[in-house]
Amino acid sequence: MQIGYTVNVNLFRGALMVKIITDSASDFEPNELKKLMIDCISLSVNFGDEEYKDNVTISKDEFFDKLKNTTETVTS
């Protein structure tokens, strides 16, 4: 699995703080994100004129069903 992420490093009261941020293409499950304390930014997915937020307004299953059955151009 390929994982894309950004690491933010900050100093807080003299302690080094690191926060990992990824996007929804990484396909982490919500419980994994919570356990690992990773923030996830949802990508936009467009089927023709319809726009969805990955894992917010369209689930993975809905996405793949729509992808199999569409003749529309799909962009992200």
PDB file of N, CA and C in Angstrom:
ATOM      1  N   MET A   1       0.854  -1.173   0.000  1.00  0.00           N
ATOM      2  CA  MET A   1       0.000   0.000   0.000  1.00  0.00           C
ATOM      3  C   MET A   1       0.896   1.231   0.000  1.00  0.00           C
ATOM      4  N   GLN A   2       0.600   2.170  -0.863  1.00  0.00           N
ATOM      5  CA  GLN A   2       1.334   3.421  -0.911  1.00  0.00           C
ATOM      6  C   GLN A   2       0.610   4.427  -0.026  1.00  0.00           C
ATOM      7  N   ILE A   3       1.349   5.097   0.835  1.00  0.00           N
ATOM      8  CA  ILE A   3       0.750   6.066   1.751  1.00  0.00           C
ATOM      9  C   ILE A   3       1.379   7.426   1.490  1.00  0.00           C
ATOM     10  N   GLY A   4       0.535   8.419   1.241  1.00  0.00           N
ATOM     11  CA  GLY A   4       1.014   9.779   1.109  1.00  0.00           C
ATOM     12  C   GLY A   4       0.653  10.531   2.373  1.00  0.00           C
ATOM     13  N   TYR A   5       1.582  11.286   2.904  1.00  0.00           N
ATOM     14  CA  TYR A   5       1.285  12.010   4.128  1.00  0.00           C
ATOM     15  C   TYR A   5       2.172  13.230   4.257  1.00  0.00           C
ATOM     16  N   THR A   6       1.767  14.126   5.128  1.00  0.00           N
ATOM     17  CA  THR A   6       2.527  15.318   5.457  1.00  0.00           C
ATOM     18  C   THR A   6       2.799  15.280   6.945  1.00  0.00           C
ATOM     19  N   VAL A   7       3.970  15.688   7.347  1.00  0.00           N
ATOM     20  CA  VAL A   7       4.294  15.733   8.769  1.00  0.00           C
ATOM     21  C   VAL A   7       4.468  17.187   9.158  1.00  0.00           C
ATOM     22  N   ASN A   8       3.689  17.638  10.139  1.00  0.00           N
ATOM     23  CA  ASN A   8       3.827  18.977  10.679  1.00  0.00           C
ATOM     24  C   ASN A   8       4.594  18.878  11.987  1.00  0.00           C
ATOM     25  N   VAL A   9       5.624  19.668  12.135  1.00  0.00           N
ATOM     26  CA  VAL A   9       6.433  19.658  13.350  1.00  0.00           C
ATOM     27  C   VAL A   9       6.310  21.025  14.014  1.00  0.00           C
ATOM     28  N   ASN A  10       5.961  21.046  15.292  1.00  0.00           N
ATOM     29  CA  ASN A  10       5.813  22.284  16.048  1.00  0.00           C
ATOM     30  C   ASN A  10       6.483  22.135  17.400  1.00  0.00           C
ATOM     31  N   LEU A  11       6.847  23.262  17.978  1.00  0.00           N
ATOM     32  CA  LEU A  11       7.337  23.270  19.344  1.00  0.00           C
ATOM     33  C   LEU A  11       6.207  23.744  20.241  1.00  0.00           C
ATOM     34  N   PHE A  12       5.933  23.012  21.292  1.00  0.00           N
ATOM     35  CA  PHE A  12       4.891  23.386  22.244  1.00  0.00           C
ATOM     36  C   PHE A  12       5.482  23.282  23.635  1.00  0.00           C
ATOM     37  N   ARG A  13       5.655  24.425  24.274  1.00  0.00           N
ATOM     38  CA  ARG A  13       6.248  24.478  25.619  1.00  0.00           C
ATOM     39  C   ARG A  13       7.568  23.726  25.674  1.00  0.00           C
ATOM     40  N   GLY A  14       8.380  23.911  24.639  1.00  0.00           N
ATOM     41  CA  GLY A  14       9.696  23.306  24.615  1.00  0.00           C
ATOM     42  C   GLY A  14       9.737  21.858  24.155  1.00  0.00           C
ATOM     43  N   ALA A  15       8.568  21.247  23.943  1.00  0.00           N
ATOM     44  CA  ALA A  15       8.522  19.848  23.500  1.00  0.00           C
ATOM     45  C   ALA A  15       8.293  19.810  21.995  1.00  0.00           C
ATOM     46  N   LEU A  16       8.934  18.898  21.335  1.00  0.00           N
ATOM     47  CA  LEU A  16       8.755  18.717  19.901  1.00  0.00           C
ATOM     48  C   LEU A  16       7.464  17.964  19.650  1.00  0.00           C
ATOM     49  N   MET A  17       6.565  18.544  18.848  1.00  0.00           N
ATOM     50  CA  MET A  17       5.274  17.933  18.541  1.00  0.00           C
ATOM     51  C   MET A  17       5.239  17.601  17.047  1.00  0.00           C
ATOM     52  N   VAL A  18       4.798  16.392  16.718  1.00  0.00           N
ATOM     53  CA  VAL A  18       4.684  15.965  15.328  1.00  0.00           C
ATOM     54  C   VAL A  18       3.252  15.523  15.076  1.00  0.00           C
ATOM     55  N   LYS A  19       2.658  15.969  13.973  1.00  0.00           N
ATOM     56  CA  LYS A  19       1.301  15.586  13.591  1.00  0.00           C
ATOM     57  C   LYS A  19       1.342  15.049  12.168  1.00  0.00           C
ATOM     58  N   ILE A  20       0.824  13.852  11.975  1.00  0.00           N
ATOM     59  CA  ILE A  20       0.778  13.255  10.645  1.00  0.00           C
ATOM     60  C   ILE A  20      -0.594  13.516  10.033  1.00  0.00           C
ATOM     61  N   ILE A  21      -0.580  13.998   8.795  1.00  0.00           N
ATOM     62  CA  ILE A  21      -1.808  14.295   8.054  1.00  0.00           C
ATOM     63  C   ILE A  21      -1.726  13.565   6.721  1.00  0.00           C
ATOM     64  N   THR A  22      -2.796  12.869   6.363  1.00  0.00           N
ATOM     65  CA  THR A  22      -2.837  12.153   5.094  1.00  0.00           C
ATOM     66  C   THR A  22      -4.120  12.536   4.357  1.00  0.00           C
ATOM     67  N   ASP A  23      -4.290  12.029   3.162  1.00  0.00           N
ATOM     68  CA  ASP A  23      -5.555  12.245   2.461  1.00  0.00           C
ATOM     69  C   ASP A  23      -6.286  10.913   2.328  1.00  0.00           C
ATOM     70  N   SER A  24      -7.526  10.984   1.897  1.00  0.00           N
ATOM     71  CA  SER A  24      -8.382   9.798   1.868  1.00  0.00           C
ATOM     72  C   SER A  24      -7.931   8.735   0.872  1.00  0.00           C
ATOM     73  N   ALA A  25      -7.014   9.065  -0.024  1.00  0.00           N
ATOM     74  CA  ALA A  25      -6.490   8.061  -0.953  1.00  0.00           C
ATOM     75  C   ALA A  25      -5.643   7.015  -0.232  1.00  0.00           C
ATOM     76  N   SER A  26      -5.225   7.308   0.982  1.00  0.00           N
ATOM     77  CA  SER A  26      -4.426   6.346   1.756  1.00  0.00           C
ATOM     78  C   SER A  26      -5.253   5.157   2.218  1.00  0.00           C
ATOM     79  N   ASP A  27      -6.583   5.270   2.182  1.00  0.00           N
ATOM     80  CA  ASP A  27      -7.502   4.177   2.507  1.00  0.00           C
ATOM     81  C   ASP A  27      -7.358   3.620   3.918  1.00  0.00           C
ATOM     82  N   PHE A  28      -7.003   4.469   4.877  1.00  0.00           N
ATOM     83  CA  PHE A  28      -7.050   4.052   6.272  1.00  0.00           C
ATOM     84  C   PHE A  28      -8.505   3.905   6.691  1.00  0.00           C
ATOM     85  N   GLU A  29      -8.787   2.958   7.550  1.00  0.00           N
ATOM     86  CA  GLU A  29     -10.110   2.841   8.150  1.00  0.00           C
ATOM     87  C   GLU A  29     -10.211   3.885   9.269  1.00  0.00           C
ATOM     88  N   PRO A  30     -11.418   4.405   9.544  1.00  0.00           N
ATOM     89  CA  PRO A  30     -11.561   5.429  10.587  1.00  0.00           C
ATOM     90  C   PRO A  30     -10.964   5.014  11.933  1.00  0.00           C
ATOM     91  N   ASN A  31     -11.119   3.744  12.311  1.00  0.00           N
ATOM     92  CA  ASN A  31     -10.569   3.305  13.597  1.00  0.00           C
ATOM     93  C   ASN A  31      -9.033   3.320  13.590  1.00  0.00           C
ATOM     94  N   GLU A  32      -8.414   3.064  12.427  1.00  0.00           N
ATOM     95  CA  GLU A  32      -6.956   3.128  12.324  1.00  0.00           C
ATOM     96  C   GLU A  32      -6.472   4.570  12.483  1.00  0.00           C
ATOM     97  N   LEU A  33      -7.174   5.507  11.843  1.00  0.00           N
ATOM     98  CA  LEU A  33      -6.806   6.921  11.953  1.00  0.00           C
ATOM     99  C   LEU A  33      -6.862   7.375  13.401  1.00  0.00           C
ATOM    100  N   LYS A  34      -7.927   6.987  14.087  1.00  0.00           N
ATOM    101  CA  LYS A  34      -8.089   7.386  15.484  1.00  0.00           C
ATOM    102  C   LYS A  34      -6.993   6.773  16.354  1.00  0.00           C
ATOM    103  N   LYS A  35      -6.751   5.487  16.179  1.00  0.00           N
ATOM    104  CA  LYS A  35      -5.742   4.774  16.971  1.00  0.00           C
ATOM    105  C   LYS A  35      -4.350   5.379  16.778  1.00  0.00           C
ATOM    106  N   LEU A  36      -4.026   5.719  15.527  1.00  0.00           N
ATOM    107  CA  LEU A  36      -2.710   6.260  15.204  1.00  0.00           C
ATOM    108  C   LEU A  36      -2.641   7.781  15.330  1.00  0.00           C
ATOM    109  N   MET A  37      -3.760   8.416  15.678  1.00  0.00           N
ATOM    110  CA  MET A  37      -3.863   9.877  15.826  1.00  0.00           C
ATOM    111  C   MET A  37      -3.405  10.604  14.560  1.00  0.00           C
ATOM    112  N   ILE A  38      -3.925  10.127  13.420  1.00  0.00           N
ATOM    113  CA  ILE A  38      -3.622  10.711  12.112  1.00  0.00           C
ATOM    114  C   ILE A  38      -4.847  11.485  11.634  1.00  0.00           C
ATOM    115  N   ASP A  39      -4.643  12.717  11.180  1.00  0.00           N
ATOM    116  CA  ASP A  39      -5.728  13.495  10.579  1.00  0.00           C
ATOM    117  C   ASP A  39      -5.826  13.141   9.101  1.00  0.00           C
ATOM    118  N   CYS A  40      -7.049  13.077   8.588  1.00  0.00           N
ATOM    119  CA  CYS A  40      -7.270  12.701   7.200  1.00  0.00           C
ATOM    120  C   CYS A  40      -8.095  13.783   6.496  1.00  0.00           C
ATOM    121  N   ILE A  41      -7.613  14.232   5.369  1.00  0.00           N
ATOM    122  CA  ILE A  41      -8.307  15.224   4.549  1.00  0.00           C
ATOM    123  C   ILE A  41      -9.001  14.483   3.411  1.00  0.00           C
ATOM    124  N   SER A  42     -10.294  14.690   3.271  1.00  0.00           N
ATOM    125  CA  SER A  42     -11.070  14.009   2.236  1.00  0.00           C
ATOM    126  C   SER A  42     -10.841  14.641   0.867  1.00  0.00           C
ATOM    127  N   LEU A  43     -10.582  13.796  -0.112  1.00  0.00           N
ATOM    128  CA  LEU A  43     -10.438  14.261  -1.481  1.00  0.00           C
ATOM    129  C   LEU A  43     -11.812  14.438  -2.115  1.00  0.00           C
ATOM    130  N   SER A  44     -11.899  15.310  -3.088  1.00  0.00           N
ATOM    131  CA  SER A  44     -13.125  15.475  -3.861  1.00  0.00           C
ATOM    132  C   SER A  44     -13.111  14.486  -5.016  1.00  0.00           C
ATOM    133  N   VAL A  45     -14.256  13.880  -5.266  1.00  0.00           N
ATOM    134  CA  VAL A  45     -14.420  12.942  -6.375  1.00  0.00           C
ATOM    135  C   VAL A  45     -15.582  13.441  -7.212  1.00  0.00           C
ATOM    136  N   ASN A  46     -15.360  13.577  -8.512  1.00  0.00           N
ATOM    137  CA  ASN A  46     -16.405  14.072  -9.411  1.00  0.00           C
ATOM    138  C   ASN A  46     -16.814  13.007 -10.400  1.00  0.00           C
ATOM    139  N   PHE A  47     -18.115  12.756 -10.454  1.00  0.00           N
ATOM    140  CA  PHE A  47     -18.715  11.914 -11.486  1.00  0.00           C
ATOM    141  C   PHE A  47     -19.529  12.857 -12.345  1.00  0.00           C
ATOM    142  N   GLY A  48     -18.972  13.261 -13.485  1.00  0.00           N
ATOM    143  CA  GLY A  48     -19.649  14.258 -14.310  1.00  0.00           C
ATOM    144  C   GLY A  48     -19.778  15.552 -13.529  1.00  0.00           C
ATOM    145  N   ASP A  49     -21.026  16.042 -13.347  1.00  0.00           N
ATOM    146  CA  ASP A  49     -21.274  17.288 -12.618  1.00  0.00           C
ATOM    147  C   ASP A  49     -21.489  17.079 -11.125  1.00  0.00           C
ATOM    148  N   GLU A  50     -21.514  15.830 -10.669  1.00  0.00           N
ATOM    149  CA  GLU A  50     -21.748  15.539  -9.257  1.00  0.00           C
ATOM    150  C   GLU A  50     -20.420  15.464  -8.509  1.00  0.00           C
ATOM    151  N   GLU A  51     -20.327  16.225  -7.390  1.00  0.00           N
ATOM    152  CA  GLU A  51     -19.102  16.213  -6.590  1.00  0.00           C
ATOM    153  C   GLU A  51     -19.376  15.560  -5.239  1.00  0.00           C
ATOM    154  N   TYR A  52     -18.463  14.713  -4.809  1.00  0.00           N
ATOM    155  CA  TYR A  52     -18.574  14.018  -3.529  1.00  0.00           C
ATOM    156  C   TYR A  52     -17.281  14.217  -2.755  1.00  0.00           C
ATOM    157  N   LYS A  53     -17.372  14.133  -1.430  1.00  0.00           N
ATOM    158  CA  LYS A  53     -16.194  14.124  -0.566  1.00  0.00           C
ATOM    159  C   LYS A  53     -15.951  12.675  -0.164  1.00  0.00           C
ATOM    160  N   ASP A  54     -14.768  12.169  -0.486  1.00  0.00           N
ATOM    161  CA  ASP A  54     -14.406  10.789  -0.206  1.00  0.00           C
ATOM    162  C   ASP A  54     -14.569  10.475   1.282  1.00  0.00           C
ATOM    163  N   ASN A  55     -15.322   9.431   1.575  1.00  0.00           N
ATOM    164  CA  ASN A  55     -15.617   8.958   2.937  1.00  0.00           C
ATOM    165  C   ASN A  55     -16.462   9.927   3.767  1.00  0.00           C
ATOM    166  N   VAL A  56     -17.002  10.968   3.136  1.00  0.00           N
ATOM    167  CA  VAL A  56     -17.902  11.902   3.829  1.00  0.00           C
ATOM    168  C   VAL A  56     -19.275  11.831   3.179  1.00  0.00           C
ATOM    169  N   THR A  57     -19.345  12.160   1.889  1.00  0.00           N
ATOM    170  CA  THR A  57     -20.629  12.117   1.179  1.00  0.00           C
ATOM    171  C   THR A  57     -20.738  10.914   0.245  1.00  0.00           C
ATOM    172  N   ILE A  58     -19.674  10.122   0.162  1.00  0.00           N
ATOM    173  CA  ILE A  58     -19.720   8.870  -0.601  1.00  0.00           C
ATOM    174  C   ILE A  58     -18.784   7.868   0.092  1.00  0.00           C
ATOM    175  N   SER A  59     -19.297   6.675   0.312  1.00  0.00           N
ATOM    176  CA  SER A  59     -18.487   5.628   0.952  1.00  0.00           C
ATOM    177  C   SER A  59     -17.616   4.940  -0.098  1.00  0.00           C
ATOM    178  N   LYS A  60     -16.663   4.136   0.365  1.00  0.00           N
ATOM    179  CA  LYS A  60     -15.818   3.386  -0.569  1.00  0.00           C
ATOM    180  C   LYS A  60     -16.656   2.458  -1.436  1.00  0.00           C
ATOM    181  N   ASP A  61     -17.618   1.748  -0.812  1.00  0.00           N
ATOM    182  CA  ASP A  61     -18.476   0.839  -1.571  1.00  0.00           C
ATOM    183  C   ASP A  61     -19.315   1.586  -2.606  1.00  0.00           C
ATOM    184  N   GLU A  62     -19.898   2.729  -2.206  1.00  0.00           N
ATOM    185  CA  GLU A  62     -20.689   3.530  -3.145  1.00  0.00           C
ATOM    186  C   GLU A  62     -19.812   4.030  -4.293  1.00  0.00           C
ATOM    187  N   PHE A  63     -18.596   4.445  -3.967  1.00  0.00           N
ATOM    188  CA  PHE A  63     -17.678   4.926  -4.995  1.00  0.00           C
ATOM    189  C   PHE A  63     -17.413   3.846  -6.037  1.00  0.00           C
ATOM    190  N   PHE A  64     -17.046   2.634  -5.581  1.00  0.00           N
ATOM    191  CA  PHE A  64     -16.716   1.573  -6.529  1.00  0.00           C
ATOM    192  C   PHE A  64     -17.940   1.094  -7.312  1.00  0.00           C
ATOM    193  N   ASP A  65     -19.122   1.076  -6.689  1.00  0.00           N
ATOM    194  CA  ASP A  65     -20.346   0.745  -7.421  1.00  0.00           C
ATOM    195  C   ASP A  65     -20.604   1.769  -8.516  1.00  0.00           C
ATOM    196  N   LYS A  66     -20.484   3.041  -8.148  1.00  0.00           N
ATOM    197  CA  LYS A  66     -20.718   4.126  -9.105  1.00  0.00           C
ATOM    198  C   LYS A  66     -19.675   4.070 -10.231  1.00  0.00           C
ATOM    199  N   LEU A  67     -18.435   3.777  -9.873  1.00  0.00           N
ATOM    200  CA  LEU A  67     -17.361   3.707 -10.854  1.00  0.00           C
ATOM    201  C   LEU A  67     -17.608   2.593 -11.874  1.00  0.00           C
ATOM    202  N   LYS A  68     -18.075   1.436 -11.396  1.00  0.00           N
ATOM    203  CA  LYS A  68     -18.356   0.313 -12.296  1.00  0.00           C
ATOM    204  C   LYS A  68     -19.506   0.610 -13.244  1.00  0.00           C
ATOM    205  N   ASN A  69     -20.478   1.415 -12.789  1.00  0.00           N
ATOM    206  CA  ASN A  69     -21.722   1.605 -13.539  1.00  0.00           C
ATOM    207  C   ASN A  69     -21.826   2.948 -14.236  1.00  0.00           C
ATOM    208  N   THR A  70     -20.762   3.743 -14.262  1.00  0.00           N
ATOM    209  CA  THR A  70     -20.886   5.069 -14.857  1.00  0.00           C
ATOM    210  C   THR A  70     -20.293   5.129 -16.264  1.00  0.00           C
ATOM    211  N   THR A  71     -20.862   5.995 -17.063  1.00  0.00           N
ATOM    212  CA  THR A  71     -20.273   6.311 -18.358  1.00  0.00           C
ATOM    213  C   THR A  71     -19.726   7.731 -18.335  1.00  0.00           C
ATOM    214  N   GLU A  72     -19.888   8.395 -17.177  1.00  0.00           N
ATOM    215  CA  GLU A  72     -19.417   9.771 -16.974  1.00  0.00           C
ATOM    216  C   GLU A  72     -17.896   9.779 -16.791  1.00  0.00           C
ATOM    217  N   THR A  73     -17.293  10.943 -17.028  1.00  0.00           N
ATOM    218  CA  THR A  73     -15.884  11.121 -16.734  1.00  0.00           C
ATOM    219  C   THR A  73     -15.718  11.257 -15.229  1.00  0.00           C
ATOM    220  N   VAL A  74     -14.769  10.527 -14.667  1.00  0.00           N
ATOM    221  CA  VAL A  74     -14.515  10.571 -13.231  1.00  0.00           C
ATOM    222  C   VAL A  74     -13.195  11.281 -12.992  1.00  0.00           C
ATOM    223  N   THR A  75     -13.225  12.296 -12.122  1.00  0.00           N
ATOM    224  CA  THR A  75     -12.005  13.036 -11.784  1.00  0.00           C
ATOM    225  C   THR A  75     -11.898  13.170 -10.273  1.00  0.00           C
ATOM    226  N   SER A  76     -10.708  13.464  -9.840  1.00  0.00           N
ATOM    227  CA  SER A  76     -10.457  13.656  -8.414  1.00  0.00           C
ATOM    228  C   SER A  76      -9.579  14.871  -8.240  1.00  0.00           C
TER     229      SER A  76
END
